[in-house]
Amino acid sequence: GGVPLAGYFVWSLMDNFEWAFGYTKRFGIVYIDYPTQRRIIKDSGYWYRDTIAANGGSL
């Protein structure tokens, strides 16, 4: 039993509206500080990491 799963994708209904906001709205699982280019993982990024590590067990 089971389904062969090749990977996970972070996607939502609202992702399709990103193009309309350009750079004025922040989306994604990593925050970028534009002046320094520093990347900061958001809480959703840690959730995604944990979901992958648990093979989807937290879903």
Protein backbone atom coordinates (compact mmCIF):
# COMPACT_ATOMS: atom_id res chain seq x y z
CA GLY A 1 0.00 0.00 0.00
CA GLY A 2 0.89 3.57 -0.38
CA VAL A 3 1.71 6.03 -3.08
CA PRO A 4 5.18 6.57 -4.57
CA LEU A 5 6.05 10.10 -3.48
CA ALA A 6 8.98 11.88 -5.11
CA GLY A 7 8.88 15.12 -3.12
CA TYR A 8 6.98 17.90 -1.41
CA PHE A 9 6.09 21.33 -2.75
CA VAL A 10 5.15 24.35 -0.65
CA TRP A 11 2.19 25.85 -2.46
CA SER A 12 -1.07 27.51 -1.57
CA LEU A 13 -4.03 29.13 -3.25
CA MET A 14 -2.58 32.57 -2.49
CA ASP A 15 0.71 31.81 -4.28
CA ASN A 16 -0.96 32.53 -7.59
CA PHE A 17 -1.45 36.17 -6.56
CA GLU A 18 2.24 36.89 -5.86
CA TRP A 19 2.90 38.31 -9.31
CA ALA A 20 0.35 41.08 -8.74
CA PHE A 21 2.20 42.44 -5.68
CA GLY A 22 5.73 42.49 -7.07
CA TYR A 23 8.23 43.22 -4.30
CA THR A 24 5.75 45.04 -2.04
CA LYS A 25 4.54 41.88 -0.25
CA ARG A 26 6.73 39.27 1.39
CA PHE A 27 6.01 35.66 0.49
CA GLY A 28 7.93 32.45 0.92
CA ILE A 29 9.55 30.46 3.69
CA VAL A 30 12.73 32.57 3.85
CA TYR A 31 12.86 36.28 4.72
CA ILE A 32 15.47 38.29 2.83
CA ASP A 33 16.90 41.49 4.28
CA TYR A 34 17.44 43.31 1.00
CA PRO A 35 20.18 45.77 2.09
CA THR A 36 22.40 43.01 3.52
CA GLN A 37 21.04 40.07 1.47
CA ARG A 38 20.88 38.09 4.73
CA ARG A 39 18.46 35.16 4.59
CA ILE A 40 16.39 34.32 7.69
CA ILE A 41 14.31 31.15 7.77
CA LYS A 42 10.70 31.85 8.79
CA ASP A 43 8.66 29.60 11.10
CA SER A 44 7.03 28.12 8.01
CA GLY A 45 10.48 27.17 6.73
CA TYR A 46 11.21 25.24 9.90
CA TRP A 47 7.80 23.55 9.64
CA TYR A 48 8.62 22.51 6.07
CA ARG A 49 12.01 21.16 7.16
CA ASP A 50 10.40 19.13 9.93
CA THR A 51 7.69 17.83 7.58
CA ILE A 52 10.30 16.60 5.11
CA ALA A 53 12.41 15.03 7.88
CA ALA A 54 9.33 13.17 9.19
CA ASN A 55 8.36 11.98 5.68
CA GLY A 56 5.12 13.94 5.97
CA GLY A 57 4.36 12.60 9.45
CA SER A 58 3.36 16.05 10.74
CA LEU A 59 0.69 16.54 8.06
